[in-house]
């Protein structure tokens, strides 16, 4: 079997995540202590105890998912089970870079923190939102977005029949109505802080670029399929450019899974989630591949 690891992104968080690693504290104490030092507070406590409203805040959510995914990765990996490729959904791409030895854990967490802070700042500067469009061809949604005045663009190509769009509140509202009229099975605004993966995140990209340029990137030891083009990369400079551009570019997840399958990958493993999100997306691309989850048995 040719295996790919898929790292969870924002929305994989839940109160109680990380509890098993607290029980294994001696094994992971150095990593957890380093995470708390970088963040300036006890990140694992928020993951385990919540409250949910605190965990939902972008500044907490992204580091929490990153730490949980990384601990799940090192808790389950074995030398006999090396993947042939890695990918991460949005935020999860940074975890993939750490797993691929492009970044150290500390530098990865520093970038996650900087990314979360920059995106929070951009959300406050440009109030905006996102919407999920279900049951329509991608090109139909793209055409509707292109015809609407203001900013509204495809943001997450999650799987066939599921495209998330980002934009200003008025433009998103109009896109929802037009998609419904055009036959979408469902078109609804989702509860997020802003228009991620859109031009409205340009202030965040500028801030994040500064943080990226302050850490060392290595060539990847395992090819990493990146969100911006759904293609595998190992070159450090290419990876760096792509992770910066990802902030304002759509996540080509459906294309990534399709490209992985075309390359011969026939086993997918979700790391850091419970299998409902990424594995659900993979299942809608193909039911012919093997799927499993690396995470907590809770």
C-alpha atoms as a PDB file:
ATOM      1  CA  UNK A   1       0.000   0.000   0.000  1.00  0.00           C
ATOM      2  CA  UNK A   2       1.219   3.520  -0.814  1.00  0.00           C
ATOM      3  CA  UNK A   3       0.175   5.700   2.107  1.00  0.00           C
ATOM      4  CA  UNK A   4      -0.361   9.453   2.443  1.00  0.00           C
ATOM      5  CA  UNK A   5      -0.847  11.269   5.741  1.00  0.00           C
ATOM      6  CA  UNK A   6      -3.405  14.069   5.823  1.00  0.00           C
ATOM      7  CA  UNK A   7      -3.181  16.634   8.629  1.00  0.00           C
ATOM      8  CA  UNK A   8      -6.309  18.223  10.068  1.00  0.00           C
ATOM      9  CA  UNK A   9      -7.037  21.927   9.834  1.00  0.00           C
ATOM     10  CA  UNK A  10      -9.280  24.383  11.636  1.00  0.00           C
ATOM     11  CA  UNK A  11     -12.673  22.877  12.574  1.00  0.00           C
ATOM     12  CA  UNK A  12     -11.033  19.686  13.906  1.00  0.00           C
ATOM     13  CA  UNK A  13     -10.880  21.139  17.431  1.00  0.00           C
ATOM     14  CA  UNK A  14     -13.008  19.828  20.288  1.00  0.00           C
ATOM     15  CA  UNK A  15     -12.939  20.254  24.059  1.00  0.00           C
ATOM     16  CA  UNK A  16     -11.047  17.300  25.493  1.00  0.00           C
ATOM     17  CA  UNK A  17      -8.510  17.013  22.677  1.00  0.00           C
ATOM     18  CA  UNK A  18      -5.087  16.148  24.018  1.00  0.00           C
ATOM     19  CA  UNK A  19      -6.266  14.405  27.189  1.00  0.00           C
ATOM     20  CA  UNK A  20      -4.451  11.185  26.291  1.00  0.00           C
ATOM     21  CA  UNK A  21      -1.199  13.091  25.895  1.00  0.00           C
ATOM     22  CA  UNK A  22      -1.521  14.572  29.364  1.00  0.00           C
ATOM     23  CA  UNK A  23      -1.675  10.993  30.646  1.00  0.00           C
ATOM     24  CA  UNK A  24       1.527  10.341  28.693  1.00  0.00           C
ATOM     25  CA  UNK A  25       3.051  13.577  29.952  1.00  0.00           C
ATOM     26  CA  UNK A  26       6.501  12.131  30.691  1.00  0.00           C
ATOM     27  CA  UNK A  27       6.876  11.041  27.071  1.00  0.00           C
ATOM     28  CA  UNK A  28       5.775  14.357  25.613  1.00  0.00           C
ATOM     29  CA  UNK A  29       6.591  16.788  28.428  1.00  0.00           C
ATOM     30  CA  UNK A  30       9.314  18.606  26.479  1.00  0.00           C
ATOM     31  CA  UNK A  31       7.027  19.223  23.492  1.00  0.00           C
ATOM     32  CA  UNK A  32       4.122  20.360  25.665  1.00  0.00           C
ATOM     33  CA  UNK A  33       6.367  22.635  27.746  1.00  0.00           C
ATOM     34  CA  UNK A  34       7.832  24.161  24.582  1.00  0.00           C
ATOM     35  CA  UNK A  35       4.333  24.770  23.189  1.00  0.00           C
ATOM     36  CA  UNK A  36       3.290  26.533  26.398  1.00  0.00           C
ATOM     37  CA  UNK A  37       6.470  28.637  26.297  1.00  0.00           C
ATOM     38  CA  UNK A  38       5.914  29.718  22.674  1.00  0.00           C
ATOM     39  CA  UNK A  39       2.251  30.532  23.283  1.00  0.00           C
ATOM     40  CA  UNK A  40       2.744  32.188  26.672  1.00  0.00           C
ATOM     41  CA  UNK A  41      -0.028  30.182  28.324  1.00  0.00           C
ATOM     42  CA  UNK A  42      -0.960  26.551  29.013  1.00  0.00           C
ATOM     43  CA  UNK A  43      -2.228  25.495  25.590  1.00  0.00           C
ATOM     44  CA  UNK A  44      -2.921  21.891  26.577  1.00  0.00           C
ATOM     45  CA  UNK A  45      -5.192  23.014  29.432  1.00  0.00           C
ATOM     46  CA  UNK A  46      -7.380  24.986  27.006  1.00  0.00           C
ATOM     47  CA  UNK A  47      -7.490  21.978  24.675  1.00  0.00           C
ATOM     48  CA  UNK A  48      -8.582  19.648  27.463  1.00  0.00           C
ATOM     49  CA  UNK A  49     -10.763  21.898  29.619  1.00  0.00           C
ATOM     50  CA  UNK A  50     -12.016  24.546  27.205  1.00  0.00           C
ATOM     51  CA  UNK A  51     -14.294  26.373  27.488  1.00  0.00           C
ATOM     52  CA  UNK A  52     -15.482  25.807  23.937  1.00  0.00           C
ATOM     53  CA  UNK A  53     -15.753  29.535  23.224  1.00  0.00           C
ATOM     54  CA  UNK A  54     -12.062  29.996  24.070  1.00  0.00           C
ATOM     55  CA  UNK A  55     -11.067  27.018  21.946  1.00  0.00           C
ATOM     56  CA  UNK A  56     -13.034  28.432  19.004  1.00  0.00           C
ATOM     57  CA  UNK A  57     -11.015  31.652  18.965  1.00  0.00           C
ATOM     58  CA  UNK A  58      -8.630  31.552  15.999  1.00  0.00           C
ATOM     59  CA  UNK A  59      -5.641  32.498  18.148  1.00  0.00           C
ATOM     60  CA  UNK A  60      -6.270  29.361  20.258  1.00  0.00           C
ATOM     61  CA  UNK A  61      -7.803  27.048  17.668  1.00  0.00           C
ATOM     62  CA  UNK A  62      -4.927  26.963  15.214  1.00  0.00           C
ATOM     63  CA  UNK A  63      -2.145  26.231  17.758  1.00  0.00           C
ATOM     64  CA  UNK A  64      -4.389  23.674  19.476  1.00  0.00           C
ATOM     65  CA  UNK A  65      -5.066  21.728  16.283  1.00  0.00           C
ATOM     66  CA  UNK A  66      -1.387  21.959  15.319  1.00  0.00           C
ATOM     67  CA  UNK A  67      -0.179  20.607  18.678  1.00  0.00           C
ATOM     68  CA  UNK A  68      -2.791  17.862  18.752  1.00  0.00           C
ATOM     69  CA  UNK A  69      -1.964  16.785  15.197  1.00  0.00           C
ATOM     70  CA  UNK A  70       1.781  16.747  15.835  1.00  0.00           C
ATOM     71  CA  UNK A  71       1.439  14.734  19.048  1.00  0.00           C
ATOM     72  CA  UNK A  72      -0.874  12.287  17.245  1.00  0.00           C
ATOM     73  CA  UNK A  73       1.694  11.981  14.463  1.00  0.00           C
ATOM     74  CA  UNK A  74       4.684  11.164  16.663  1.00  0.00           C
ATOM     75  CA  UNK A  75       2.550   8.915  18.878  1.00  0.00           C
ATOM     76  CA  UNK A  76       1.621   6.693  15.937  1.00  0.00           C
ATOM     77  CA  UNK A  77       4.496   6.801  13.460  1.00  0.00           C
ATOM     78  CA  UNK A  78       6.843   3.867  13.039  1.00  0.00           C
ATOM     79  CA  UNK A  79       9.871   3.428  10.793  1.00  0.00           C
ATOM     80  CA  UNK A  80       8.129   0.537   9.060  1.00  0.00           C
ATOM     81  CA  UNK A  81       5.124   2.679   8.182  1.00  0.00           C
ATOM     82  CA  UNK A  82       6.690   5.613   6.333  1.00  0.00           C
ATOM     83  CA  UNK A  83       4.248   7.516   4.101  1.00  0.00           C
ATOM     84  CA  UNK A  84       5.083   8.343   0.500  1.00  0.00           C
ATOM     85  CA  UNK A  85       3.417  11.757   0.655  1.00  0.00           C
ATOM     86  CA  UNK A  86       2.024  14.338   3.083  1.00  0.00           C
ATOM     87  CA  UNK A  87      -0.646  17.022   2.871  1.00  0.00           C
ATOM     88  CA  UNK A  88      -2.536  19.259   5.267  1.00  0.00           C
ATOM     89  CA  UNK A  89      -5.829  21.094   4.902  1.00  0.00           C
ATOM     90  CA  UNK A  90      -5.146  24.843   5.228  1.00  0.00           C
ATOM     91  CA  UNK A  91      -3.624  25.186   8.721  1.00  0.00           C
ATOM     92  CA  UNK A  92      -2.752  21.468   8.570  1.00  0.00           C
ATOM     93  CA  UNK A  93      -0.192  22.155   5.860  1.00  0.00           C
ATOM     94  CA  UNK A  94       2.148  23.605   8.494  1.00  0.00           C
ATOM     95  CA  UNK A  95       1.910  20.358  10.475  1.00  0.00           C
ATOM     96  CA  UNK A  96       2.757  18.493   7.270  1.00  0.00           C
ATOM     97  CA  UNK A  97       5.854  20.686   6.896  1.00  0.00           C
ATOM     98  CA  UNK A  98       7.005  19.698  10.389  1.00  0.00           C
ATOM     99  CA  UNK A  99       6.342  16.003   9.705  1.00  0.00           C
ATOM    100  CA  UNK A 100       8.305  16.334   6.454  1.00  0.00           C
ATOM    101  CA  UNK A 101      11.212  17.941   8.359  1.00  0.00           C
ATOM    102  CA  UNK A 102      10.891  21.204   6.443  1.00  0.00           C
ATOM    103  CA  UNK A 103      10.405  22.990   9.775  1.00  0.00           C
ATOM    104  CA  UNK A 104      11.269  22.219  13.363  1.00  0.00           C
ATOM    105  CA  UNK A 105       8.350  21.794  15.766  1.00  0.00           C
ATOM    106  CA  UNK A 106       9.170  25.107  17.461  1.00  0.00           C
ATOM    107  CA  UNK A 107       9.386  27.026  14.179  1.00  0.00           C
ATOM    108  CA  UNK A 108       6.182  25.386  12.986  1.00  0.00           C
ATOM    109  CA  UNK A 109       4.336  26.495  16.110  1.00  0.00           C
ATOM    110  CA  UNK A 110       5.801  30.004  15.811  1.00  0.00           C
ATOM    111  CA  UNK A 111       4.379  30.189  12.278  1.00  0.00           C
ATOM    112  CA  UNK A 112       1.002  28.841  13.399  1.00  0.00           C
ATOM    113  CA  UNK A 113       0.866  31.481  16.116  1.00  0.00           C
ATOM    114  CA  UNK A 114       1.887  34.241  13.692  1.00  0.00           C
ATOM    115  CA  UNK A 115      -0.643  33.009  11.120  1.00  0.00           C
ATOM    116  CA  UNK A 116      -3.479  32.945  13.657  1.00  0.00           C
ATOM    117  CA  UNK A 117      -2.651  36.434  14.922  1.00  0.00           C
ATOM    118  CA  UNK A 118      -2.343  37.823  11.387  1.00  0.00           C
ATOM    119  CA  UNK A 119      -5.639  36.275  10.282  1.00  0.00           C
ATOM    120  CA  UNK A 120      -7.398  37.576  13.379  1.00  0.00           C
ATOM    121  CA  UNK A 121      -6.073  41.054  12.595  1.00  0.00           C
ATOM    122  CA  UNK A 122      -7.249  40.812   8.969  1.00  0.00           C
ATOM    123  CA  UNK A 123     -10.705  39.670  10.105  1.00  0.00           C
ATOM    124  CA  UNK A 124     -11.026  42.710  12.335  1.00  0.00           C
ATOM    125  CA  UNK A 125      -9.784  45.028   9.589  1.00  0.00           C
ATOM    126  CA  UNK A 126     -12.050  43.572   6.885  1.00  0.00           C
ATOM    127  CA  UNK A 127     -15.289  42.166   8.375  1.00  0.00           C
ATOM    128  CA  UNK A 128     -16.234  39.270   6.123  1.00  0.00           C
ATOM    129  CA  UNK A 129     -17.471  35.695   6.082  1.00  0.00           C
ATOM    130  CA  UNK A 130     -17.665  32.363   4.233  1.00  0.00           C
ATOM    131  CA  UNK A 131     -20.404  30.102   2.890  1.00  0.00           C
ATOM    132  CA  UNK A 132     -20.661  26.442   1.964  1.00  0.00           C
ATOM    133  CA  UNK A 133     -22.191  25.581  -1.395  1.00  0.00           C
ATOM    134  CA  UNK A 134     -23.304  21.963  -1.669  1.00  0.00           C
ATOM    135  CA  UNK A 135     -24.541  19.987  -4.640  1.00  0.00           C
ATOM    136  CA  UNK A 136     -23.247  22.204  -7.460  1.00  0.00           C
ATOM    137  CA  UNK A 137     -20.469  21.810 -10.010  1.00  0.00           C
ATOM    138  CA  UNK A 138     -17.405  23.880  -9.153  1.00  0.00           C
ATOM    139  CA  UNK A 139     -17.494  25.793 -12.436  1.00  0.00           C
ATOM    140  CA  UNK A 140     -21.078  26.898 -11.816  1.00  0.00           C
ATOM    141  CA  UNK A 141     -20.139  28.330  -8.407  1.00  0.00           C
ATOM    142  CA  UNK A 142     -17.043  29.969  -9.909  1.00  0.00           C
ATOM    143  CA  UNK A 143     -19.158  31.642 -12.612  1.00  0.00           C
ATOM    144  CA  UNK A 144     -21.641  32.975 -10.078  1.00  0.00           C
ATOM    145  CA  UNK A 145     -18.838  34.413  -7.932  1.00  0.00           C
ATOM    146  CA  UNK A 146     -17.240  36.069 -10.958  1.00  0.00           C
ATOM    147  CA  UNK A 147     -20.454  37.902 -11.853  1.00  0.00           C
ATOM    148  CA  UNK A 148     -21.083  39.415  -8.421  1.00  0.00           C
ATOM    149  CA  UNK A 149     -19.845  42.895  -7.601  1.00  0.00           C
ATOM    150  CA  UNK A 150     -17.553  43.111  -4.619  1.00  0.00           C
ATOM    151  CA  UNK A 151     -15.296  40.368  -3.308  1.00  0.00           C
ATOM    152  CA  UNK A 152     -16.507  36.763  -3.331  1.00  0.00           C
ATOM    153  CA  UNK A 153     -14.229  33.923  -4.435  1.00  0.00           C
ATOM    154  CA  UNK A 154     -13.846  30.140  -4.141  1.00  0.00           C
ATOM    155  CA  UNK A 155     -11.880  29.388  -0.957  1.00  0.00           C
ATOM    156  CA  UNK A 156     -11.963  25.639  -0.260  1.00  0.00           C
ATOM    157  CA  UNK A 157     -12.400  23.016  -2.988  1.00  0.00           C
ATOM    158  CA  UNK A 158     -13.144  20.349  -0.396  1.00  0.00           C
ATOM    159  CA  UNK A 159     -14.553  17.540  -2.520  1.00  0.00           C
ATOM    160  CA  UNK A 160     -16.901  17.060  -5.478  1.00  0.00           C
ATOM    161  CA  UNK A 161     -20.114  18.926  -4.715  1.00  0.00           C
ATOM    162  CA  UNK A 162     -18.700  20.887  -1.799  1.00  0.00           C
ATOM    163  CA  UNK A 163     -17.119  24.268  -2.425  1.00  0.00           C
ATOM    164  CA  UNK A 164     -16.672  26.931   0.258  1.00  0.00           C
ATOM    165  CA  UNK A 165     -16.624  30.571  -0.830  1.00  0.00           C
ATOM    166  CA  UNK A 166     -15.204  33.654   0.913  1.00  0.00           C
ATOM    167  CA  UNK A 167     -16.013  37.324   0.660  1.00  0.00           C
ATOM    168  CA  UNK A 168     -17.668  40.427   2.030  1.00  0.00           C
ATOM    169  CA  UNK A 169     -20.965  39.963   3.858  1.00  0.00           C
ATOM    170  CA  UNK A 170     -23.098  41.501   1.092  1.00  0.00           C
ATOM    171  CA  UNK A 171     -21.361  39.588  -1.692  1.00  0.00           C
ATOM    172  CA  UNK A 172     -21.627  36.290   0.158  1.00  0.00           C
ATOM    173  CA  UNK A 173     -25.332  36.898   0.786  1.00  0.00           C
ATOM    174  CA  UNK A 174     -25.915  37.532  -2.930  1.00  0.00           C
ATOM    175  CA  UNK A 175     -23.859  34.465  -3.914  1.00  0.00           C
ATOM    176  CA  UNK A 176     -25.913  32.280  -1.580  1.00  0.00           C
ATOM    177  CA  UNK A 177     -29.165  33.453  -3.172  1.00  0.00           C
ATOM    178  CA  UNK A 178     -27.869  32.989  -6.718  1.00  0.00           C
ATOM    179  CA  UNK A 179     -26.537  29.506  -5.951  1.00  0.00           C
ATOM    180  CA  UNK A 180     -29.892  28.484  -4.501  1.00  0.00           C
ATOM    181  CA  UNK A 181     -31.660  29.790  -7.597  1.00  0.00           C
ATOM    182  CA  UNK A 182     -29.186  27.876  -9.775  1.00  0.00           C
ATOM    183  CA  UNK A 183     -30.022  24.589  -8.052  1.00  0.00           C
ATOM    184  CA  UNK A 184     -27.601  24.181  -5.157  1.00  0.00           C
ATOM    185  CA  UNK A 185     -28.736  21.465  -2.757  1.00  0.00           C
ATOM    186  CA  UNK A 186     -27.701  23.734   0.103  1.00  0.00           C
ATOM    187  CA  UNK A 187     -26.084  27.163   0.300  1.00  0.00           C
ATOM    188  CA  UNK A 188     -25.477  28.562   3.743  1.00  0.00           C
ATOM    189  CA  UNK A 189     -23.217  30.951   5.591  1.00  0.00           C
ATOM    190  CA  UNK A 190     -20.853  29.260   8.024  1.00  0.00           C
ATOM    191  CA  UNK A 191     -19.729  30.525  11.408  1.00  0.00           C
ATOM    192  CA  UNK A 192     -16.158  31.746  10.918  1.00  0.00           C
ATOM    193  CA  UNK A 193     -14.235  34.872  11.824  1.00  0.00           C
ATOM    194  CA  UNK A 194     -13.702  36.123   8.297  1.00  0.00           C
ATOM    195  CA  UNK A 195     -13.089  35.450   4.611  1.00  0.00           C
ATOM    196  CA  UNK A 196     -10.156  33.062   4.815  1.00  0.00           C
ATOM    197  CA  UNK A 197      -8.250  32.183   1.626  1.00  0.00           C
ATOM    198  CA  UNK A 198      -9.432  35.283  -0.189  1.00  0.00           C
ATOM    199  CA  UNK A 199      -8.015  38.703  -1.184  1.00  0.00           C
ATOM    200  CA  UNK A 200      -9.462  40.047   2.075  1.00  0.00           C
ATOM    201  CA  UNK A 201      -6.645  38.195   3.845  1.00  0.00           C
ATOM    202  CA  UNK A 202      -3.925  40.241   2.105  1.00  0.00           C
ATOM    203  CA  UNK A 203      -3.074  42.127   5.337  1.00  0.00           C
ATOM    204  CA  UNK A 204      -2.583  38.735   7.001  1.00  0.00           C
ATOM    205  CA  UNK A 205      -0.360  37.501   4.187  1.00  0.00           C
ATOM    206  CA  UNK A 206       1.957  40.498   4.585  1.00  0.00           C
ATOM    207  CA  UNK A 207       2.310  39.861   8.323  1.00  0.00           C
ATOM    208  CA  UNK A 208       2.708  36.118   7.886  1.00  0.00           C
ATOM    209  CA  UNK A 209       5.380  36.577   5.218  1.00  0.00           C
ATOM    210  CA  UNK A 210       7.538  38.426   7.740  1.00  0.00           C
ATOM    211  CA  UNK A 211       7.240  35.511  10.161  1.00  0.00           C
ATOM    212  CA  UNK A 212       8.021  32.948   7.451  1.00  0.00           C
ATOM    213  CA  UNK A 213      11.163  34.828   6.455  1.00  0.00           C
ATOM    214  CA  UNK A 214      12.410  34.638  10.047  1.00  0.00           C
ATOM    215  CA  UNK A 215      12.576  30.827  10.211  1.00  0.00           C
ATOM    216  CA  UNK A 216      14.684  28.242   8.399  1.00  0.00           C
ATOM    217  CA  UNK A 217      13.091  26.038   5.742  1.00  0.00           C
ATOM    218  CA  UNK A 218      14.693  22.739   4.672  1.00  0.00           C
ATOM    219  CA  UNK A 219      13.975  20.582   1.658  1.00  0.00           C
ATOM    220  CA  UNK A 220      11.193  18.109   2.461  1.00  0.00           C
ATOM    221  CA  UNK A 221      12.187  14.524   3.281  1.00  0.00           C
ATOM    222  CA  UNK A 222       8.763  13.362   2.031  1.00  0.00           C
ATOM    223  CA  UNK A 223       6.928  15.066  -0.869  1.00  0.00           C
ATOM    224  CA  UNK A 224       4.297  17.511   0.374  1.00  0.00           C
ATOM    225  CA  UNK A 225       1.218  18.215  -1.738  1.00  0.00           C
ATOM    226  CA  UNK A 226       0.505  21.896  -1.146  1.00  0.00           C
ATOM    227  CA  UNK A 227      -2.868  23.624  -1.121  1.00  0.00           C
ATOM    228  CA  UNK A 228      -2.115  26.338  -3.672  1.00  0.00           C
ATOM    229  CA  UNK A 229      -1.517  24.026  -6.639  1.00  0.00           C
ATOM    230  CA  UNK A 230      -2.359  20.490  -5.398  1.00  0.00           C
ATOM    231  CA  UNK A 231       1.090  19.303  -6.502  1.00  0.00           C
ATOM    232  CA  UNK A 232       3.946  17.617  -4.600  1.00  0.00           C
ATOM    233  CA  UNK A 233       6.911  19.749  -3.534  1.00  0.00           C
ATOM    234  CA  UNK A 234      10.237  19.062  -1.858  1.00  0.00           C
ATOM    235  CA  UNK A 235      12.191  22.254  -2.630  1.00  0.00           C
ATOM    236  CA  UNK A 236      12.427  24.553   0.400  1.00  0.00           C
ATOM    237  CA  UNK A 237      12.024  27.809  -1.529  1.00  0.00           C
ATOM    238  CA  UNK A 238       8.986  26.563  -3.447  1.00  0.00           C
ATOM    239  CA  UNK A 239       7.405  25.345  -0.229  1.00  0.00           C
ATOM    240  CA  UNK A 240       8.052  28.673   1.479  1.00  0.00           C
ATOM    241  CA  UNK A 241       6.470  30.658  -1.369  1.00  0.00           C
ATOM    242  CA  UNK A 242       3.438  28.365  -1.457  1.00  0.00           C
ATOM    243  CA  UNK A 243       2.775  28.504   2.302  1.00  0.00           C
ATOM    244  CA  UNK A 244       2.779  32.314   2.140  1.00  0.00           C
ATOM    245  CA  UNK A 245       0.444  32.452  -0.879  1.00  0.00           C
ATOM    246  CA  UNK A 246      -1.883  29.918   0.727  1.00  0.00           C
ATOM    247  CA  UNK A 247      -3.243  32.661   3.011  1.00  0.00           C
ATOM    248  CA  UNK A 248      -4.992  34.391   0.085  1.00  0.00           C
ATOM    249  CA  UNK A 249      -5.362  31.426  -2.305  1.00  0.00           C
ATOM    250  CA  UNK A 250      -8.031  28.721  -2.454  1.00  0.00           C
ATOM    251  CA  UNK A 251      -7.360  25.366  -0.799  1.00  0.00           C
ATOM    252  CA  UNK A 252      -7.341  22.847  -3.668  1.00  0.00           C
ATOM    253  CA  UNK A 253      -8.085  19.842  -1.499  1.00  0.00           C
ATOM    254  CA  UNK A 254     -10.258  17.868  -3.894  1.00  0.00           C
ATOM    255  CA  UNK A 255      -7.598  18.286  -6.582  1.00  0.00           C
ATOM    256  CA  UNK A 256      -4.901  17.225  -4.113  1.00  0.00           C
ATOM    257  CA  UNK A 257      -6.638  13.946  -3.300  1.00  0.00           C
ATOM    258  CA  UNK A 258      -7.327  13.285  -6.979  1.00  0.00           C
ATOM    259  CA  UNK A 259      -3.665  13.912  -7.844  1.00  0.00           C
ATOM    260  CA  UNK A 260      -2.484  11.650  -5.031  1.00  0.00           C
ATOM    261  CA  UNK A 261      -4.697   8.823  -6.235  1.00  0.00           C
ATOM    262  CA  UNK A 262      -3.503   9.334  -9.816  1.00  0.00           C
ATOM    263  CA  UNK A 263       0.095   9.022  -8.561  1.00  0.00           C
ATOM    264  CA  UNK A 264      -0.645   5.575  -7.112  1.00  0.00           C
ATOM    265  CA  UNK A 265      -1.513   6.421  -3.502  1.00  0.00           C
ATOM    266  CA  UNK A 266      -4.201   4.052  -2.284  1.00  0.00           C
ATOM    267  CA  UNK A 267      -4.218   4.536   1.474  1.00  0.00           C
ATOM    268  CA  UNK A 268      -5.049   7.741   3.357  1.00  0.00           C
ATOM    269  CA  UNK A 269      -4.663   8.415   7.045  1.00  0.00           C
ATOM    270  CA  UNK A 270      -6.096  11.458   8.824  1.00  0.00           C
ATOM    271  CA  UNK A 271      -3.880  12.811  11.586  1.00  0.00           C
ATOM    272  CA  UNK A 272      -5.228  15.047  14.341  1.00  0.00           C
ATOM    273  CA  UNK A 273      -8.901  14.744  13.527  1.00  0.00           C
ATOM    274  CA  UNK A 274     -11.589  12.192  14.281  1.00  0.00           C
ATOM    275  CA  UNK A 275     -12.044  11.103  10.684  1.00  0.00           C
ATOM    276  CA  UNK A 276     -15.282  12.925  10.051  1.00  0.00           C
ATOM    277  CA  UNK A 277     -13.819  15.824   8.086  1.00  0.00           C
ATOM    278  CA  UNK A 278     -10.856  14.826   5.940  1.00  0.00           C
ATOM    279  CA  UNK A 279     -11.824  11.181   5.581  1.00  0.00           C
ATOM    280  CA  UNK A 280     -15.320  12.296   4.645  1.00  0.00           C
ATOM    281  CA  UNK A 281     -13.857  14.423   1.873  1.00  0.00           C
ATOM    282  CA  UNK A 282     -11.613  11.607   0.646  1.00  0.00           C
ATOM    283  CA  UNK A 283     -14.600   9.265   0.582  1.00  0.00           C
ATOM    284  CA  UNK A 284     -16.434  11.638  -1.756  1.00  0.00           C
ATOM    285  CA  UNK A 285     -13.458  11.681  -4.130  1.00  0.00           C
ATOM    286  CA  UNK A 286     -13.037   7.878  -4.134  1.00  0.00           C
ATOM    287  CA  UNK A 287     -14.425   4.919  -2.218  1.00  0.00           C
ATOM    288  CA  UNK A 288     -11.801   2.627  -3.700  1.00  0.00           C
ATOM    289  CA  UNK A 289      -8.998   3.698  -1.357  1.00  0.00           C
ATOM    290  CA  UNK A 290      -8.223   2.581   2.189  1.00  0.00           C
ATOM    291  CA  UNK A 291      -8.836   5.117   4.980  1.00  0.00           C
ATOM    292  CA  UNK A 292      -8.027   5.270   8.671  1.00  0.00           C
ATOM    293  CA  UNK A 293      -7.387   7.774  11.477  1.00  0.00           C
ATOM    294  CA  UNK A 294      -4.433   8.523  13.742  1.00  0.00           C
ATOM    295  CA  UNK A 295      -5.783  10.234  16.812  1.00  0.00           C
ATOM    296  CA  UNK A 296      -7.082   9.713  20.294  1.00  0.00           C
ATOM    297  CA  UNK A 297      -9.133   6.705  21.240  1.00  0.00           C
ATOM    298  CA  UNK A 298     -11.676   8.540  23.364  1.00  0.00           C
END
